[in-house]
Amino acid sequence: MANRAFNVPNLLTYARILAVPLIVLCFFLEGRLRSSDFARWSALAIFLAASITDYLDGYLARIWQQTSNIGKMLDPIADKLLVATCLLLLAADTDRTIAGWSLWAAIIILCREILVSGLREYLAELKVSVPVTRLAKWKTAIQMFAIGFLLVGPAGEKLVPYTVEIGITLLWVSALVTLYTGYDYFRAGLKHIIDE
């Protein structure tokens, strides 16, 4: 059991969880919630490393046949912690990277994550598995790109014009795909709920 808990795929998942407070720390480098250029680039670097572990942990677990129950449990939790923390930081930072109508995109994403997690937990008790769809994987990829652009935000504008606008557009695309995949999961789970 201990060997499985500390295999390489699980260590990558733990690293992704540890990345969450580090990203938060980047936004508090000046002692208050402020996002200097250095803080934003640092947050982006940590986020990119964490995003790569999201791909690698599952890939390595499959090819090395090192899947484990703790990995299956923690992987989606790590993803949700990372996404939720970044969205909340971006809505609260002094630059108000996510503000106005764009807050709705973030709310849609967060609500879907909570609803799908609850549905999965309920269905797990019924011994029903709801596999991740290809579209849900695309949703995650779009979401990660959106958050990456938004994390670097105004600091990125100095290198790539419209960085924030690209991030907001991707966030809305992600929110729309999120709605569809959330409906898809709910529809798949609903038949098991009704049968009960």
Protein backbone atom coordinates (compact mmCIF):
# COMPACT_ATOMS: atom_id res chain seq x y z
CA MET A 1 0.00 0.00 0.00
CA ALA A 2 2.78 2.44 0.95
CA ASN A 3 4.60 1.67 -2.32
CA ARG A 4 1.49 2.53 -4.34
CA ALA A 5 0.84 5.70 -2.35
CA PHE A 6 4.34 6.96 -3.16
CA ASN A 7 4.73 5.84 -6.76
CA VAL A 8 5.73 8.45 -9.34
CA PRO A 9 2.21 9.13 -10.70
CA ASN A 10 0.90 9.78 -7.18
CA LEU A 11 3.89 11.98 -6.34
CA LEU A 12 2.99 14.09 -9.39
CA THR A 13 -0.57 14.39 -8.10
CA TYR A 14 0.70 15.45 -4.66
CA ALA A 15 2.91 18.03 -6.37
CA ARG A 16 -0.14 19.44 -8.15
CA ILE A 17 -1.92 19.82 -4.82
CA LEU A 18 1.16 21.55 -3.34
CA ALA A 19 1.20 23.92 -6.32
CA VAL A 20 -2.12 25.41 -5.18
CA PRO A 21 -0.82 27.27 -2.09
CA LEU A 22 2.29 28.29 -4.05
CA ILE A 23 0.13 30.01 -6.68
CA VAL A 24 -1.79 31.76 -3.90
CA LEU A 25 1.50 32.84 -2.34
CA CYS A 26 2.56 34.44 -5.63
CA PHE A 27 -0.42 36.78 -5.42
CA PHE A 28 0.43 37.69 -1.82
CA LEU A 29 4.16 38.35 -2.30
CA GLU A 30 3.73 41.98 -1.32
CA GLY A 31 1.83 41.13 1.86
CA ARG A 32 -1.58 41.78 0.33
CA LEU A 33 -3.54 40.47 -2.64
CA ARG A 34 -1.58 42.23 -5.35
CA SER A 35 -0.38 40.83 -8.63
CA SER A 36 2.91 42.35 -9.74
CA ASP A 37 4.42 41.24 -13.06
CA PHE A 38 6.84 38.96 -11.22
CA ALA A 39 3.98 37.41 -9.22
CA ARG A 40 1.96 36.75 -12.36
CA TRP A 41 4.84 35.15 -14.28
CA SER A 42 5.71 33.05 -11.22
CA ALA A 43 2.08 31.94 -10.84
CA LEU A 44 2.00 31.03 -14.54
CA ALA A 45 5.19 28.98 -14.27
CA ILE A 46 3.84 27.03 -11.29
CA PHE A 47 0.45 26.59 -12.99
CA LEU A 48 2.07 25.27 -16.19
CA ALA A 49 4.16 22.79 -14.22
CA ALA A 50 1.04 21.66 -12.34
CA SER A 51 -0.91 21.33 -15.60
CA ILE A 52 1.81 19.12 -17.07
CA THR A 53 1.60 16.85 -14.02
CA ASP A 54 -2.14 16.52 -14.70
CA TYR A 55 -1.34 14.87 -18.03
CA LEU A 56 1.70 12.94 -16.83
CA ASP A 57 0.29 11.32 -13.70
CA GLY A 58 -2.50 9.50 -15.55
CA TYR A 59 -0.32 8.65 -18.53
CA LEU A 60 2.48 7.19 -16.39
CA ALA A 61 0.04 5.33 -14.13
CA ARG A 62 -1.41 3.60 -17.20
CA ILE A 63 1.81 2.72 -19.02
CA TRP A 64 3.63 1.64 -15.85
CA GLN A 65 0.50 -0.10 -14.53
CA GLN A 66 0.70 1.89 -11.31
CA THR A 67 -2.91 2.93 -10.95
CA SER A 68 -4.05 3.12 -7.34
CA ASN A 69 -7.19 3.99 -5.42
CA ILE A 70 -5.52 7.01 -3.81
CA GLY A 71 -4.46 8.25 -7.25
CA LYS A 72 -7.97 7.79 -8.65
CA MET A 73 -9.38 9.71 -5.70
CA LEU A 74 -6.83 12.54 -5.54
CA ASP A 75 -6.39 13.24 -9.26
CA PRO A 76 -9.79 14.91 -9.81
CA ILE A 77 -9.55 16.63 -6.41
CA ALA A 78 -6.16 18.11 -7.37
CA ASP A 79 -7.61 19.35 -10.68
CA LYS A 80 -10.58 21.00 -9.00
CA LEU A 81 -8.43 22.60 -6.29
CA LEU A 82 -6.12 24.06 -8.91
CA VAL A 83 -8.90 25.41 -11.14
CA ALA A 84 -11.09 26.75 -8.33
CA THR A 85 -8.20 28.47 -6.54
CA CYS A 86 -6.99 30.17 -9.71
CA LEU A 87 -10.48 31.35 -10.69
CA LEU A 88 -11.08 32.78 -7.21
CA LEU A 89 -7.70 34.54 -7.18
CA LEU A 90 -8.31 36.04 -10.60
CA ALA A 91 -11.73 37.32 -9.53
CA ALA A 92 -10.33 38.83 -6.31
CA ASP A 93 -6.97 40.27 -7.41
CA THR A 94 -6.51 44.03 -7.64
CA ASP A 95 -6.42 43.93 -11.44
CA ARG A 96 -9.86 42.24 -11.42
CA THR A 97 -8.79 39.97 -14.28
CA ILE A 98 -12.12 38.16 -14.11
CA ALA A 99 -14.85 40.73 -13.51
CA GLY A 100 -18.31 41.76 -14.68
CA TRP A 101 -20.00 39.29 -17.00
CA SER A 102 -16.88 37.11 -17.07
CA LEU A 103 -17.62 36.14 -13.48
CA TRP A 104 -20.55 34.13 -14.87
CA ALA A 105 -18.15 31.97 -16.88
CA ALA A 106 -16.16 31.25 -13.72
CA ILE A 107 -19.35 30.53 -11.74
CA ILE A 108 -20.56 28.10 -14.43
CA ILE A 109 -17.24 26.25 -14.32
CA LEU A 110 -17.19 26.07 -10.50
CA CYS A 111 -20.84 24.99 -10.23
CA ARG A 112 -20.38 22.25 -12.81
CA GLU A 113 -17.32 20.92 -11.00
CA ILE A 114 -19.25 20.72 -7.72
CA LEU A 115 -22.34 19.15 -9.32
CA VAL A 116 -20.37 16.54 -11.26
CA SER A 117 -18.31 15.68 -8.16
CA GLY A 118 -21.50 15.15 -6.17
CA LEU A 119 -23.02 13.06 -8.95
CA ARG A 120 -19.90 10.91 -9.24
CA GLU A 121 -19.84 10.36 -5.48
CA TYR A 122 -23.50 9.32 -5.46
CA LEU A 123 -23.08 7.01 -8.45
CA ALA A 124 -19.96 5.45 -6.92
CA GLU A 125 -22.12 4.29 -4.00
CA LEU A 126 -24.36 2.58 -6.57
CA LYS A 127 -21.24 1.02 -8.16
CA VAL A 128 -21.87 2.98 -11.35
CA SER A 129 -18.86 4.38 -13.18
CA VAL A 130 -19.20 7.51 -15.31
CA PRO A 131 -16.17 7.61 -17.60
CA VAL A 132 -14.56 10.89 -18.61
CA THR A 133 -15.54 11.74 -22.18
CA ARG A 134 -13.20 13.03 -24.86
CA LEU A 135 -15.11 16.34 -24.87
CA ALA A 136 -14.58 16.65 -21.10
CA LYS A 137 -10.84 16.25 -21.70
CA TRP A 138 -11.00 19.03 -24.30
CA LYS A 139 -12.92 21.14 -21.80
CA THR A 140 -10.12 20.69 -19.29
CA ALA A 141 -7.49 21.63 -21.88
CA ILE A 142 -9.37 24.81 -22.91
CA GLN A 143 -9.87 25.67 -19.24
CA MET A 144 -6.16 25.30 -18.51
CA PHE A 145 -5.20 27.51 -21.46
CA ALA A 146 -7.75 30.13 -20.37
CA ILE A 147 -6.44 30.17 -16.81
CA GLY A 148 -2.85 30.32 -18.06
CA PHE A 149 -3.57 33.41 -20.17
CA LEU A 150 -5.50 35.02 -17.30
CA LEU A 151 -2.85 34.26 -14.67
CA VAL A 152 -0.19 36.10 -16.64
CA GLY A 153 -2.83 38.73 -17.52
CA PRO A 154 -1.59 42.33 -17.67
CA ALA A 155 2.05 41.20 -17.36
CA GLY A 156 1.58 39.14 -20.53
CA GLU A 157 0.10 42.11 -22.40
CA LYS A 158 3.62 43.55 -22.56
CA LEU A 159 4.70 40.58 -24.71
CA VAL A 160 1.50 39.40 -26.36
CA PRO A 161 -1.24 41.96 -26.99
CA TYR A 162 -4.79 40.98 -25.93
CA THR A 163 -3.56 38.33 -23.48
CA VAL A 164 -6.45 39.01 -21.10
CA GLU A 165 -9.00 39.10 -23.92
CA ILE A 166 -7.74 35.75 -25.24
CA GLY A 167 -8.02 34.31 -21.74
CA ILE A 168 -11.56 35.64 -21.24
CA THR A 169 -12.65 34.29 -24.64
CA LEU A 170 -11.21 30.86 -23.82
CA LEU A 171 -12.87 31.02 -20.40
CA TRP A 172 -16.27 31.53 -22.05
CA VAL A 173 -15.61 28.74 -24.56
CA SER A 174 -14.65 26.51 -21.64
CA ALA A 175 -17.82 27.54 -19.75
CA LEU A 176 -20.02 26.63 -22.73
CA VAL A 177 -18.32 23.25 -23.17
CA THR A 178 -18.59 22.84 -19.39
CA LEU A 179 -22.36 23.31 -19.57
CA TYR A 180 -22.66 20.69 -22.28
CA THR A 181 -20.41 18.11 -20.59
CA GLY A 182 -22.13 18.74 -17.25
CA TYR A 183 -25.50 18.10 -18.89
CA ASP A 184 -24.03 14.98 -20.52
CA TYR A 185 -22.85 13.62 -17.15
CA PHE A 186 -26.14 14.51 -15.49
CA ARG A 187 -28.15 12.81 -18.24
CA ALA A 188 -25.98 9.68 -17.98
CA GLY A 189 -26.39 9.60 -14.20
CA LEU A 190 -30.08 10.54 -14.16
CA LYS A 191 -31.23 7.15 -15.42
CA HIS A 192 -29.52 5.49 -12.44
CA ILE A 193 -31.04 8.00 -10.03
CA ILE A 194 -34.55 7.50 -11.49
CA ASP A 195 -34.14 3.70 -11.45
CA GLU A 196 -33.50 3.89 -7.72
